[in-house]
Amino acid sequence: MEIVSDSAVGREKPPGRGRWRITSIEVLCAILLVAILAQSWLQRVLDVPALRTGSTVFVAVCVQALPFLVLGVLISGAIAAYVPAKVLRKVLPRRQSAAVGVAGLAGVALPGCECASVPVARRLMGQGVAPAAALTFLLAAPAVNPVVLVATAVAFPGKPELVLARFLGSLGTAVVMGLLWARFGKLEWIVERALRRLPETEGRGRWKTFVETARTDLVEAGGFLVLGALISAALGVLVPAQWFGVLSDQLVLGVLVMAVLAVLLALCSEADAFVAASLTALPLLPKLVFLVVGPAVDVKLFALQAGTFGRSFALRFAPVTFVVAIGCAVLSGWLLLGGA
């Protein structure tokens, strides 16, 4: 009879244990090492004006958006851990139309950009808030908060009517999209993980919930932010500078082109007013359209929405938002700017 020692029992070596695996850390270290050793050669090969411009746009989009993305995931984690779902349900009216209006005005309280609003809207849905109200907040928060309005006033001194027109146009876009979703939206367009209700947390478990939620949202949203920034960089170098001379004489064409540029350039809502102000040849109305459309829909935000709520949702939500944002911007601009 074979005798097996106690020390040998249960000590079988797990499959694969002890084997060295290549992880993302090793890959990153290898890339950095190659970049350092081949620095001179890479400078000669990559010294292309278009590539330099594209890399500048990519870094600018990431640097502008990342702090506000971090702010958003921190708020998202705080909502998940410290704000019970019953509190949110008590604050928001039961009628979806009234909840949409309250959510639009609540966007004034969050000084962030569109990158921050996406994880917050997702967390609100996870806490039982109606998707119509959460999506209204998603669109309102990056456009009607005090930081954006002050930046617009600084970029356009002596033009308070433009600041007010931006506020009304952006708030109108958020509320109209919320009401449209309440009337025509379907939950099956949103991926299940975005609608999954979160368990109530108490005591020490709240801190763990906060950390895990913030980390998960940051990893998911950050990856799509980089993807959107790459698209913005690629498209940014393809926009001809000669367009602006033609747009100064064609108001309708200027509105359409500036709306498209807002989508493609994907500027942070805290910085887009200064870019619009630098285009001195354009009338105020196309600039206003640029400022209203940008925070509502752009390639970076589309990528974030597709990664958070699903591609089926983004393919429906983004085009409608684009049309509604142009309409609200033109209407507010025509009333307050006189079509200028």
C-alpha atoms as a PDB file:
ATOM      1  CA  MET A   1       0.000   0.000   0.000  1.00  0.00           C
ATOM      2  CA  GLU A   2       1.341   3.412  -0.934  1.00  0.00           C
ATOM      3  CA  ILE A   3       1.854   5.789   1.956  1.00  0.00           C
ATOM      4  CA  VAL A   4       1.289   9.462   1.268  1.00  0.00           C
ATOM      5  CA  SER A   5       2.754  11.977   3.708  1.00  0.00           C
ATOM      6  CA  ASP A   6       0.548  14.678   5.176  1.00  0.00           C
ATOM      7  CA  SER A   7       2.818  17.342   3.784  1.00  0.00           C
ATOM      8  CA  ALA A   8       2.172  16.145   0.283  1.00  0.00           C
ATOM      9  CA  VAL A   9      -1.578  16.183   0.598  1.00  0.00           C
ATOM     10  CA  GLY A  10      -3.210  19.163  -1.106  1.00  0.00           C
ATOM     11  CA  ARG A  11       0.111  20.547  -2.282  1.00  0.00           C
ATOM     12  CA  GLU A  12      -0.188  19.790  -5.932  1.00  0.00           C
ATOM     13  CA  LYS A  13       1.246  22.574  -7.996  1.00  0.00           C
ATOM     14  CA  PRO A  14      -1.546  24.529  -9.688  1.00  0.00           C
ATOM     15  CA  PRO A  15      -1.387  24.491 -13.452  1.00  0.00           C
ATOM     16  CA  GLY A  16       0.574  27.409 -14.756  1.00  0.00           C
ATOM     17  CA  ARG A  17       1.872  28.356 -11.308  1.00  0.00           C
ATOM     18  CA  GLY A  18       5.386  29.649 -11.426  1.00  0.00           C
ATOM     19  CA  ARG A  19       5.334  30.427 -15.124  1.00  0.00           C
ATOM     20  CA  TRP A  20       6.303  33.951 -16.039  1.00  0.00           C
ATOM     21  CA  ARG A  21       3.497  35.777 -17.830  1.00  0.00           C
ATOM     22  CA  ILE A  22       3.740  38.972 -19.873  1.00  0.00           C
ATOM     23  CA  THR A  23       1.420  41.599 -18.438  1.00  0.00           C
ATOM     24  CA  SER A  24       0.643  45.185 -19.394  1.00  0.00           C
ATOM     25  CA  ILE A  25       3.365  46.405 -17.011  1.00  0.00           C
ATOM     26  CA  GLU A  26       6.051  44.485 -18.891  1.00  0.00           C
ATOM     27  CA  VAL A  27       4.714  45.726 -22.215  1.00  0.00           C
ATOM     28  CA  LEU A  28       4.749  49.350 -20.994  1.00  0.00           C
ATOM     29  CA  CYS A  29       8.307  49.005 -19.669  1.00  0.00           C
ATOM     30  CA  ALA A  30       9.446  47.505 -22.979  1.00  0.00           C
ATOM     31  CA  ILE A  31       7.861  50.329 -24.973  1.00  0.00           C
ATOM     32  CA  LEU A  32       9.466  52.954 -22.724  1.00  0.00           C
ATOM     33  CA  LEU A  33      12.849  51.265 -23.008  1.00  0.00           C
ATOM     34  CA  VAL A  34      12.652  51.144 -26.805  1.00  0.00           C
ATOM     35  CA  ALA A  35      11.545  54.786 -26.908  1.00  0.00           C
ATOM     36  CA  ILE A  36      14.510  55.850 -24.759  1.00  0.00           C
ATOM     37  CA  LEU A  37      17.098  53.860 -26.703  1.00  0.00           C
ATOM     38  CA  ALA A  38      15.751  54.853 -30.117  1.00  0.00           C
ATOM     39  CA  GLN A  39      14.934  58.453 -29.228  1.00  0.00           C
ATOM     40  CA  SER A  40      17.085  60.063 -31.931  1.00  0.00           C
ATOM     41  CA  TRP A  41      15.838  57.719 -34.651  1.00  0.00           C
ATOM     42  CA  LEU A  42      12.210  58.200 -33.640  1.00  0.00           C
ATOM     43  CA  GLN A  43      12.616  61.974 -33.737  1.00  0.00           C
ATOM     44  CA  ARG A  44      13.836  61.804 -37.333  1.00  0.00           C
ATOM     45  CA  VAL A  45      11.129  59.373 -38.457  1.00  0.00           C
ATOM     46  CA  LEU A  46       8.204  61.052 -36.650  1.00  0.00           C
ATOM     47  CA  ASP A  47       9.202  64.639 -37.404  1.00  0.00           C
ATOM     48  CA  VAL A  48       6.147  65.264 -39.578  1.00  0.00           C
ATOM     49  CA  PRO A  49       4.126  68.501 -39.164  1.00  0.00           C
ATOM     50  CA  ALA A  50       0.741  66.735 -39.376  1.00  0.00           C
ATOM     51  CA  LEU A  51       1.830  64.130 -36.850  1.00  0.00           C
ATOM     52  CA  ARG A  52       3.081  66.821 -34.471  1.00  0.00           C
ATOM     53  CA  THR A  53      -0.240  68.645 -34.767  1.00  0.00           C
ATOM     54  CA  GLY A  54      -2.194  65.448 -34.206  1.00  0.00           C
ATOM     55  CA  SER A  55      -0.169  64.520 -31.140  1.00  0.00           C
ATOM     56  CA  THR A  56      -0.704  68.005 -29.741  1.00  0.00           C
ATOM     57  CA  VAL A  57      -4.472  67.711 -30.205  1.00  0.00           C
ATOM     58  CA  PHE A  58      -4.476  64.251 -28.627  1.00  0.00           C
ATOM     59  CA  VAL A  59      -2.530  65.374 -25.574  1.00  0.00           C
ATOM     60  CA  ALA A  60      -4.628  68.544 -25.242  1.00  0.00           C
ATOM     61  CA  VAL A  61      -7.924  66.624 -25.292  1.00  0.00           C
ATOM     62  CA  CYS A  62      -6.680  64.110 -22.728  1.00  0.00           C
ATOM     63  CA  VAL A  63      -5.146  66.747 -20.442  1.00  0.00           C
ATOM     64  CA  GLN A  64      -8.277  68.911 -20.590  1.00  0.00           C
ATOM     65  CA  ALA A  65     -10.708  66.071 -20.020  1.00  0.00           C
ATOM     66  CA  LEU A  66      -8.899  63.774 -17.561  1.00  0.00           C
ATOM     67  CA  PRO A  67      -9.213  65.973 -14.415  1.00  0.00           C
ATOM     68  CA  PHE A  68     -12.940  66.342 -14.969  1.00  0.00           C
ATOM     69  CA  LEU A  69     -13.271  62.642 -15.753  1.00  0.00           C
ATOM     70  CA  VAL A  70     -11.636  61.916 -12.403  1.00  0.00           C
ATOM     71  CA  LEU A  71     -14.030  64.379 -10.763  1.00  0.00           C
ATOM     72  CA  GLY A  72     -16.923  62.584 -12.399  1.00  0.00           C
ATOM     73  CA  VAL A  73     -15.926  59.107 -11.262  1.00  0.00           C
ATOM     74  CA  LEU A  74     -15.336  60.386  -7.719  1.00  0.00           C
ATOM     75  CA  ILE A  75     -18.837  61.851  -7.668  1.00  0.00           C
ATOM     76  CA  SER A  76     -20.103  58.613  -9.188  1.00  0.00           C
ATOM     77  CA  GLY A  77     -18.458  56.585  -6.423  1.00  0.00           C
ATOM     78  CA  ALA A  78     -19.789  58.944  -3.761  1.00  0.00           C
ATOM     79  CA  ILE A  79     -23.344  58.601  -5.104  1.00  0.00           C
ATOM     80  CA  ALA A  80     -23.022  54.818  -5.157  1.00  0.00           C
ATOM     81  CA  ALA A  81     -21.624  54.590  -1.621  1.00  0.00           C
ATOM     82  CA  TYR A  82     -23.163  57.427   0.363  1.00  0.00           C
ATOM     83  CA  VAL A  83     -26.417  58.434  -1.350  1.00  0.00           C
ATOM     84  CA  PRO A  84     -29.185  55.857  -0.850  1.00  0.00           C
ATOM     85  CA  ALA A  85     -31.485  55.283  -3.783  1.00  0.00           C
ATOM     86  CA  LYS A  86     -34.490  56.249  -1.663  1.00  0.00           C
ATOM     87  CA  VAL A  87     -33.028  59.754  -1.178  1.00  0.00           C
ATOM     88  CA  LEU A  88     -32.698  60.282  -4.928  1.00  0.00           C
ATOM     89  CA  ARG A  89     -36.206  59.012  -5.494  1.00  0.00           C
ATOM     90  CA  LYS A  90     -37.513  61.475  -2.898  1.00  0.00           C
ATOM     91  CA  VAL A  91     -35.657  64.456  -4.373  1.00  0.00           C
ATOM     92  CA  LEU A  92     -36.770  63.887  -7.962  1.00  0.00           C
ATOM     93  CA  PRO A  93     -40.472  64.221  -8.776  1.00  0.00           C
ATOM     94  CA  ARG A  94     -42.273  61.044  -9.740  1.00  0.00           C
ATOM     95  CA  ARG A  95     -43.546  62.520 -12.989  1.00  0.00           C
ATOM     96  CA  GLN A  96     -40.862  62.047 -15.636  1.00  0.00           C
ATOM     97  CA  SER A  97     -41.495  65.448 -17.208  1.00  0.00           C
ATOM     98  CA  ALA A  98     -41.016  67.217 -13.869  1.00  0.00           C
ATOM     99  CA  ALA A  99     -37.970  65.058 -13.051  1.00  0.00           C
ATOM    100  CA  VAL A 100     -36.421  66.074 -16.380  1.00  0.00           C
ATOM    101  CA  GLY A 101     -36.768  69.767 -15.518  1.00  0.00           C
ATOM    102  CA  VAL A 102     -35.259  69.307 -12.056  1.00  0.00           C
ATOM    103  CA  ALA A 103     -32.374  67.249 -13.485  1.00  0.00           C
ATOM    104  CA  GLY A 104     -31.649  69.973 -16.055  1.00  0.00           C
ATOM    105  CA  LEU A 105     -31.378  72.654 -13.386  1.00  0.00           C
ATOM    106  CA  ALA A 106     -29.317  70.298 -11.202  1.00  0.00           C
ATOM    107  CA  GLY A 107     -26.608  70.435 -13.873  1.00  0.00           C
ATOM    108  CA  VAL A 108     -25.771  73.939 -12.635  1.00  0.00           C
ATOM    109  CA  ALA A 109     -24.323  72.424  -9.457  1.00  0.00           C
ATOM    110  CA  LEU A 110     -21.614  70.295 -11.127  1.00  0.00           C
ATOM    111  CA  PRO A 111     -18.569  72.224 -12.421  1.00  0.00           C
ATOM    112  CA  GLY A 112     -17.310  69.653 -14.895  1.00  0.00           C
ATOM    113  CA  CYS A 113     -17.226  68.720 -18.554  1.00  0.00           C
ATOM    114  CA  GLU A 114     -19.024  66.097 -20.598  1.00  0.00           C
ATOM    115  CA  CYS A 115     -16.476  63.437 -19.604  1.00  0.00           C
ATOM    116  CA  ALA A 116     -17.467  63.826 -15.956  1.00  0.00           C
ATOM    117  CA  SER A 117     -21.206  63.656 -16.603  1.00  0.00           C
ATOM    118  CA  VAL A 118     -21.230  60.254 -18.307  1.00  0.00           C
ATOM    119  CA  PRO A 119     -20.191  58.118 -15.286  1.00  0.00           C
ATOM    120  CA  VAL A 120     -22.403  60.226 -13.017  1.00  0.00           C
ATOM    121  CA  ALA A 121     -25.434  59.633 -15.270  1.00  0.00           C
ATOM    122  CA  ARG A 122     -24.662  55.935 -15.307  1.00  0.00           C
ATOM    123  CA  ARG A 123     -24.512  55.845 -11.516  1.00  0.00           C
ATOM    124  CA  LEU A 124     -27.790  57.728 -11.237  1.00  0.00           C
ATOM    125  CA  MET A 125     -29.426  55.075 -13.385  1.00  0.00           C
ATOM    126  CA  GLY A 126     -27.894  52.400 -11.186  1.00  0.00           C
ATOM    127  CA  GLN A 127     -29.501  54.054  -8.177  1.00  0.00           C
ATOM    128  CA  GLY A 128     -32.958  53.850  -9.670  1.00  0.00           C
ATOM    129  CA  VAL A 129     -33.245  57.328 -11.225  1.00  0.00           C
ATOM    130  CA  ALA A 130     -35.310  57.375 -14.425  1.00  0.00           C
ATOM    131  CA  PRO A 131     -33.059  57.271 -17.527  1.00  0.00           C
ATOM    132  CA  ALA A 132     -34.795  60.380 -18.916  1.00  0.00           C
ATOM    133  CA  ALA A 133     -33.737  62.418 -15.877  1.00  0.00           C
ATOM    134  CA  ALA A 134     -30.209  60.935 -15.830  1.00  0.00           C
ATOM    135  CA  LEU A 135     -29.691  61.717 -19.521  1.00  0.00           C
ATOM    136  CA  THR A 136     -30.992  65.252 -19.014  1.00  0.00           C
ATOM    137  CA  PHE A 137     -28.388  65.720 -16.298  1.00  0.00           C
ATOM    138  CA  LEU A 138     -25.731  64.215 -18.595  1.00  0.00           C
ATOM    139  CA  LEU A 139     -26.366  66.927 -21.190  1.00  0.00           C
ATOM    140  CA  ALA A 140     -26.963  69.830 -18.804  1.00  0.00           C
ATOM    141  CA  ALA A 141     -24.044  69.403 -16.392  1.00  0.00           C
ATOM    142  CA  PRO A 142     -21.205  70.155 -18.848  1.00  0.00           C
ATOM    143  CA  ALA A 143     -22.937  73.145 -20.432  1.00  0.00           C
ATOM    144  CA  VAL A 144     -24.831  75.163 -17.803  1.00  0.00           C
ATOM    145  CA  ASN A 145     -22.505  74.973 -14.798  1.00  0.00           C
ATOM    146  CA  PRO A 146     -20.931  78.193 -13.428  1.00  0.00           C
ATOM    147  CA  VAL A 147     -17.404  77.362 -14.617  1.00  0.00           C
ATOM    148  CA  VAL A 148     -18.496  77.146 -18.257  1.00  0.00           C
ATOM    149  CA  LEU A 149     -20.634  80.272 -18.064  1.00  0.00           C
ATOM    150  CA  VAL A 150     -17.842  82.295 -16.440  1.00  0.00           C
ATOM    151  CA  ALA A 151     -15.352  81.040 -19.046  1.00  0.00           C
ATOM    152  CA  THR A 152     -17.751  82.113 -21.793  1.00  0.00           C
ATOM    153  CA  ALA A 153     -18.150  85.560 -20.237  1.00  0.00           C
ATOM    154  CA  VAL A 154     -14.363  85.948 -20.034  1.00  0.00           C
ATOM    155  CA  ALA A 155     -13.871  84.789 -23.631  1.00  0.00           C
ATOM    156  CA  PHE A 156     -16.587  87.162 -24.888  1.00  0.00           C
ATOM    157  CA  PRO A 157     -16.285  90.331 -22.791  1.00  0.00           C
ATOM    158  CA  GLY A 158     -19.177  92.726 -23.155  1.00  0.00           C
ATOM    159  CA  LYS A 159     -21.426  89.996 -24.612  1.00  0.00           C
ATOM    160  CA  PRO A 160     -23.706  88.905 -21.733  1.00  0.00           C
ATOM    161  CA  GLU A 161     -26.406  88.070 -24.270  1.00  0.00           C
ATOM    162  CA  LEU A 162     -24.153  85.344 -25.700  1.00  0.00           C
ATOM    163  CA  VAL A 163     -23.650  83.838 -22.239  1.00  0.00           C
ATOM    164  CA  LEU A 164     -27.401  83.815 -21.647  1.00  0.00           C
ATOM    165  CA  ALA A 165     -28.034  82.379 -25.118  1.00  0.00           C
ATOM    166  CA  ARG A 166     -25.562  79.563 -24.419  1.00  0.00           C
ATOM    167  CA  PHE A 167     -27.240  78.799 -21.089  1.00  0.00           C
ATOM    168  CA  LEU A 168     -30.744  78.703 -22.578  1.00  0.00           C
ATOM    169  CA  GLY A 169     -29.686  76.780 -25.684  1.00  0.00           C
ATOM    170  CA  SER A 170     -27.825  74.140 -23.679  1.00  0.00           C
ATOM    171  CA  LEU A 171     -30.533  73.809 -21.033  1.00  0.00           C
ATOM    172  CA  GLY A 172     -33.164  73.561 -23.775  1.00  0.00           C
ATOM    173  CA  THR A 173     -31.166  70.804 -25.483  1.00  0.00           C
ATOM    174  CA  ALA A 174     -30.941  68.795 -22.256  1.00  0.00           C
ATOM    175  CA  VAL A 175     -34.621  69.164 -21.376  1.00  0.00           C
ATOM    176  CA  VAL A 176     -35.875  68.421 -24.897  1.00  0.00           C
ATOM    177  CA  MET A 177     -33.709  65.283 -25.119  1.00  0.00           C
ATOM    178  CA  GLY A 178     -34.941  64.163 -21.704  1.00  0.00           C
ATOM    179  CA  LEU A 179     -38.558  64.594 -22.751  1.00  0.00           C
ATOM    180  CA  LEU A 180     -37.931  62.816 -26.049  1.00  0.00           C
ATOM    181  CA  TRP A 181     -36.370  59.886 -24.213  1.00  0.00           C
ATOM    182  CA  ALA A 182     -39.288  59.761 -21.775  1.00  0.00           C
ATOM    183  CA  ARG A 183     -41.669  59.579 -24.742  1.00  0.00           C
ATOM    184  CA  PHE A 184     -39.801  57.405 -27.252  1.00  0.00           C
ATOM    185  CA  GLY A 185     -36.803  55.851 -25.448  1.00  0.00           C
ATOM    186  CA  LYS A 186     -36.554  52.109 -24.796  1.00  0.00           C
ATOM    187  CA  LEU A 187     -34.580  50.464 -22.007  1.00  0.00           C
ATOM    188  CA  GLU A 188     -33.376  47.683 -24.302  1.00  0.00           C
ATOM    189  CA  TRP A 189     -31.240  50.252 -26.114  1.00  0.00           C
ATOM    190  CA  ILE A 190     -29.133  50.613 -22.951  1.00  0.00           C
ATOM    191  CA  VAL A 191     -26.818  47.784 -21.924  1.00  0.00           C
ATOM    192  CA  GLU A 192     -27.887  45.904 -18.808  1.00  0.00           C
ATOM    193  CA  ARG A 193     -24.821  46.800 -16.737  1.00  0.00           C
ATOM    194  CA  ALA A 194     -25.671  50.517 -16.921  1.00  0.00           C
ATOM    195  CA  LEU A 195     -29.155  49.888 -15.528  1.00  0.00           C
ATOM    196  CA  ARG A 196     -28.133  47.389 -12.857  1.00  0.00           C
ATOM    197  CA  ARG A 197     -29.364  48.563  -9.478  1.00  0.00           C
ATOM    198  CA  LEU A 198     -26.747  48.906  -6.784  1.00  0.00           C
ATOM    199  CA  PRO A 199     -27.203  47.379  -3.321  1.00  0.00           C
ATOM    200  CA  GLU A 200     -27.530  49.687  -0.356  1.00  0.00           C
ATOM    201  CA  THR A 201     -24.246  49.988   1.556  1.00  0.00           C
ATOM    202  CA  GLU A 202     -23.766  50.672   5.216  1.00  0.00           C
ATOM    203  CA  GLY A 203     -20.905  51.203   7.624  1.00  0.00           C
ATOM    204  CA  ARG A 204     -17.402  50.327   6.537  1.00  0.00           C
ATOM    205  CA  GLY A 205     -18.645  48.778   3.296  1.00  0.00           C
ATOM    206  CA  ARG A 206     -19.357  52.235   1.934  1.00  0.00           C
ATOM    207  CA  TRP A 207     -15.694  53.165   1.564  1.00  0.00           C
ATOM    208  CA  LYS A 208     -14.993  49.930  -0.285  1.00  0.00           C
ATOM    209  CA  THR A 209     -17.982  50.563  -2.550  1.00  0.00           C
ATOM    210  CA  PHE A 210     -16.740  54.103  -3.239  1.00  0.00           C
ATOM    211  CA  VAL A 211     -13.230  52.929  -4.179  1.00  0.00           C
ATOM    212  CA  GLU A 212     -14.358  50.005  -6.316  1.00  0.00           C
ATOM    213  CA  THR A 213     -17.006  52.041  -8.139  1.00  0.00           C
ATOM    214  CA  ALA A 214     -14.660  54.956  -8.852  1.00  0.00           C
ATOM    215  CA  ARG A 215     -11.885  52.645 -10.036  1.00  0.00           C
ATOM    216  CA  THR A 216     -14.177  50.644 -12.333  1.00  0.00           C
ATOM    217  CA  ASP A 217     -15.743  53.746 -13.873  1.00  0.00           C
ATOM    218  CA  LEU A 218     -12.343  55.382 -14.372  1.00  0.00           C
ATOM    219  CA  VAL A 219     -10.889  52.350 -16.171  1.00  0.00           C
ATOM    220  CA  GLU A 220     -13.923  51.940 -18.446  1.00  0.00           C
ATOM    221  CA  ALA A 221     -14.462  55.619 -19.239  1.00  0.00           C
ATOM    222  CA  GLY A 222     -10.729  56.367 -19.504  1.00  0.00           C
ATOM    223  CA  GLY A 223     -10.236  53.810 -22.260  1.00  0.00           C
ATOM    224  CA  PHE A 224     -12.979  55.323 -24.384  1.00  0.00           C
ATOM    225  CA  LEU A 225     -11.682  58.812 -23.636  1.00  0.00           C
ATOM    226  CA  VAL A 226      -8.347  57.840 -25.189  1.00  0.00           C
ATOM    227  CA  LEU A 227     -10.177  56.378 -28.200  1.00  0.00           C
ATOM    228  CA  GLY A 228     -12.169  59.571 -28.646  1.00  0.00           C
ATOM    229  CA  ALA A 229      -9.024  61.689 -28.285  1.00  0.00           C
ATOM    230  CA  LEU A 230      -7.310  59.653 -31.012  1.00  0.00           C
ATOM    231  CA  ILE A 231     -10.258  60.253 -33.349  1.00  0.00           C
ATOM    232  CA  SER A 232     -10.242  63.963 -32.498  1.00  0.00           C
ATOM    233  CA  ALA A 233      -6.519  64.189 -33.235  1.00  0.00           C
ATOM    234  CA  ALA A 234      -6.885  62.395 -36.558  1.00  0.00           C
ATOM    235  CA  LEU A 235      -9.765  64.620 -37.651  1.00  0.00           C
ATOM    236  CA  GLY A 236      -8.319  67.832 -36.238  1.00  0.00           C
ATOM    237  CA  VAL A 237      -5.428  67.893 -38.685  1.00  0.00           C
ATOM    238  CA  LEU A 238      -7.822  67.486 -41.643  1.00  0.00           C
ATOM    239  CA  VAL A 239      -9.814  70.701 -41.080  1.00  0.00           C
ATOM    240  CA  PRO A 240      -8.685  73.309 -43.661  1.00  0.00           C
ATOM    241  CA  ALA A 241      -8.057  76.806 -42.290  1.00  0.00           C
ATOM    242  CA  GLN A 242      -9.429  78.367 -45.495  1.00  0.00           C
ATOM    243  CA  TRP A 243     -12.969  77.375 -44.543  1.00  0.00           C
ATOM    244  CA  PHE A 244     -13.400  80.254 -42.151  1.00  0.00           C
ATOM    245  CA  GLY A 245     -13.034  82.905 -44.831  1.00  0.00           C
ATOM    246  CA  VAL A 246     -16.021  81.422 -46.694  1.00  0.00           C
ATOM    247  CA  LEU A 247     -18.137  80.934 -43.570  1.00  0.00           C
ATOM    248  CA  SER A 248     -18.086  84.637 -42.685  1.00  0.00           C
ATOM    249  CA  ASP A 249     -20.390  85.362 -45.657  1.00  0.00           C
ATOM    250  CA  GLN A 250     -22.623  82.258 -45.466  1.00  0.00           C
ATOM    251  CA  LEU A 251     -24.636  82.215 -42.206  1.00  0.00           C
ATOM    252  CA  VAL A 252     -26.456  78.912 -42.803  1.00  0.00           C
ATOM    253  CA  LEU A 253     -23.311  77.203 -44.027  1.00  0.00           C
ATOM    254  CA  GLY A 254     -21.418  78.657 -41.076  1.00  0.00           C
ATOM    255  CA  VAL A 255     -23.945  77.208 -38.617  1.00  0.00           C
ATOM    256  CA  LEU A 256     -23.713  73.739 -40.161  1.00  0.00           C
ATOM    257  CA  VAL A 257     -19.942  73.712 -40.447  1.00  0.00           C
ATOM    258  CA  MET A 258     -19.403  74.987 -36.903  1.00  0.00           C
ATOM    259  CA  ALA A 259     -21.777  72.297 -35.614  1.00  0.00           C
ATOM    260  CA  VAL A 260     -19.772  69.632 -37.413  1.00  0.00           C
ATOM    261  CA  LEU A 261     -16.490  71.109 -36.176  1.00  0.00           C
ATOM    262  CA  ALA A 262     -17.799  71.027 -32.604  1.00  0.00           C
ATOM    263  CA  VAL A 263     -18.401  67.292 -33.012  1.00  0.00           C
ATOM    264  CA  LEU A 264     -15.042  66.581 -34.616  1.00  0.00           C
ATOM    265  CA  LEU A 265     -12.756  68.759 -32.493  1.00  0.00           C
ATOM    266  CA  ALA A 266     -14.192  67.440 -29.181  1.00  0.00           C
ATOM    267  CA  LEU A 267     -13.040  70.369 -27.068  1.00  0.00           C
ATOM    268  CA  CYS A 268     -13.598  70.498 -23.331  1.00  0.00           C
ATOM    269  CA  SER A 269     -16.583  72.677 -22.410  1.00  0.00           C
ATOM    270  CA  GLU A 270     -14.371  74.816 -20.176  1.00  0.00           C
ATOM    271  CA  ALA A 271     -12.084  75.688 -23.104  1.00  0.00           C
ATOM    272  CA  ASP A 272     -14.298  75.802 -26.199  1.00  0.00           C
ATOM    273  CA  ALA A 273     -15.403  79.421 -25.651  1.00  0.00           C
ATOM    274  CA  PHE A 274     -11.832  80.674 -26.106  1.00  0.00           C
ATOM    275  CA  VAL A 275     -11.478  78.711 -29.338  1.00  0.00           C
ATOM    276  CA  ALA A 276     -14.764  80.129 -30.651  1.00  0.00           C
ATOM    277  CA  ALA A 277     -13.765  83.666 -29.646  1.00  0.00           C
ATOM    278  CA  SER A 278     -10.533  83.366 -31.639  1.00  0.00           C
ATOM    279  CA  LEU A 279     -12.525  82.930 -34.860  1.00  0.00           C
ATOM    280  CA  THR A 280     -13.098  86.649 -35.250  1.00  0.00           C
ATOM    281  CA  ALA A 281     -14.333  86.436 -38.849  1.00  0.00           C
ATOM    282  CA  LEU A 282     -17.428  84.447 -37.891  1.00  0.00           C
ATOM    283  CA  PRO A 283     -20.746  85.955 -36.736  1.00  0.00           C
ATOM    284  CA  LEU A 284     -21.943  85.217 -33.215  1.00  0.00           C
ATOM    285  CA  LEU A 285     -24.664  82.731 -34.226  1.00  0.00           C
ATOM    286  CA  PRO A 286     -22.299  80.083 -35.689  1.00  0.00           C
ATOM    287  CA  LYS A 287     -20.084  80.524 -32.619  1.00  0.00           C
ATOM    288  CA  LEU A 288     -23.084  79.948 -30.368  1.00  0.00           C
ATOM    289  CA  VAL A 289     -23.971  76.770 -32.271  1.00  0.00           C
ATOM    290  CA  PHE A 290     -20.386  75.604 -31.763  1.00  0.00           C
ATOM    291  CA  LEU A 291     -20.679  76.232 -28.004  1.00  0.00           C
ATOM    292  CA  VAL A 292     -24.047  74.482 -27.616  1.00  0.00           C
ATOM    293  CA  VAL A 293     -23.368  71.452 -29.811  1.00  0.00           C
ATOM    294  CA  GLY A 294     -19.875  70.680 -28.482  1.00  0.00           C
ATOM    295  CA  PRO A 295     -20.767  69.768 -24.871  1.00  0.00           C
ATOM    296  CA  ALA A 296     -23.840  67.836 -26.056  1.00  0.00           C
ATOM    297  CA  VAL A 297     -22.295  65.591 -28.705  1.00  0.00           C
ATOM    298  CA  ASP A 298     -18.777  65.043 -30.039  1.00  0.00           C
ATOM    299  CA  VAL A 299     -16.638  62.067 -31.043  1.00  0.00           C
ATOM    300  CA  LYS A 300     -15.117  61.784 -27.574  1.00  0.00           C
ATOM    301  CA  LEU A 301     -18.497  61.883 -25.877  1.00  0.00           C
ATOM    302  CA  PHE A 302     -19.911  59.423 -28.415  1.00  0.00           C
ATOM    303  CA  ALA A 303     -17.134  56.974 -27.570  1.00  0.00           C
ATOM    304  CA  LEU A 304     -17.774  57.412 -23.838  1.00  0.00           C
ATOM    305  CA  GLN A 305     -21.518  56.888 -24.291  1.00  0.00           C
ATOM    306  CA  ALA A 306     -20.982  53.812 -26.465  1.00  0.00           C
ATOM    307  CA  GLY A 307     -18.680  52.291 -23.868  1.00  0.00           C
ATOM    308  CA  THR A 308     -20.934  53.147 -20.927  1.00  0.00           C
ATOM    309  CA  PHE A 309     -24.472  52.689 -22.253  1.00  0.00           C
ATOM    310  CA  GLY A 310     -23.840  50.571 -25.345  1.00  0.00           C
ATOM    311  CA  ARG A 311     -23.412  51.181 -29.048  1.00  0.00           C
ATOM    312  CA  SER A 312     -27.131  50.739 -29.756  1.00  0.00           C
ATOM    313  CA  PHE A 313     -27.888  53.639 -27.416  1.00  0.00           C
ATOM    314  CA  ALA A 314     -25.143  55.924 -28.764  1.00  0.00           C
ATOM    315  CA  LEU A 315     -26.126  55.390 -32.412  1.00  0.00           C
ATOM    316  CA  ARG A 316     -29.640  56.607 -31.623  1.00  0.00           C
ATOM    317  CA  PHE A 317     -28.971  59.226 -28.964  1.00  0.00           C
ATOM    318  CA  ALA A 318     -26.080  61.130 -30.553  1.00  0.00           C
ATOM    319  CA  PRO A 319     -27.665  62.006 -33.963  1.00  0.00           C
ATOM    320  CA  VAL A 320     -30.900  63.206 -32.352  1.00  0.00           C
ATOM    321  CA  THR A 321     -28.926  65.248 -29.829  1.00  0.00           C
ATOM    322  CA  PHE A 322     -26.973  66.834 -32.687  1.00  0.00           C
ATOM    323  CA  VAL A 323     -30.156  67.993 -34.441  1.00  0.00           C
ATOM    324  CA  VAL A 324     -31.838  69.174 -31.233  1.00  0.00           C
ATOM    325  CA  ALA A 325     -28.721  71.088 -30.130  1.00  0.00           C
ATOM    326  CA  ILE A 326     -28.524  72.952 -33.442  1.00  0.00           C
ATOM    327  CA  GLY A 327     -32.213  73.818 -33.250  1.00  0.00           C
ATOM    328  CA  CYS A 328     -32.042  75.073 -29.657  1.00  0.00           C
ATOM    329  CA  ALA A 329     -28.868  77.073 -30.348  1.00  0.00           C
ATOM    330  CA  VAL A 330     -30.350  78.739 -33.443  1.00  0.00           C
ATOM    331  CA  LEU A 331     -33.584  79.529 -31.601  1.00  0.00           C
ATOM    332  CA  SER A 332     -31.886  81.055 -28.539  1.00  0.00           C
ATOM    333  CA  GLY A 333     -29.410  82.889 -30.761  1.00  0.00           C
ATOM    334  CA  TRP A 334     -32.126  84.298 -32.981  1.00  0.00           C
ATOM    335  CA  LEU A 335     -34.060  85.580 -29.948  1.00  0.00           C
ATOM    336  CA  LEU A 336     -31.120  87.029 -27.994  1.00  0.00           C
ATOM    337  CA  LEU A 337     -28.524  87.815 -30.664  1.00  0.00           C
ATOM    338  CA  GLY A 338     -30.873  88.929 -33.431  1.00  0.00           C
ATOM    339  CA  GLY A 339     -29.424  86.382 -35.843  1.00  0.00           C
ATOM    340  CA  ALA A 340     -25.972  87.999 -35.588  1.00  0.00           C
END
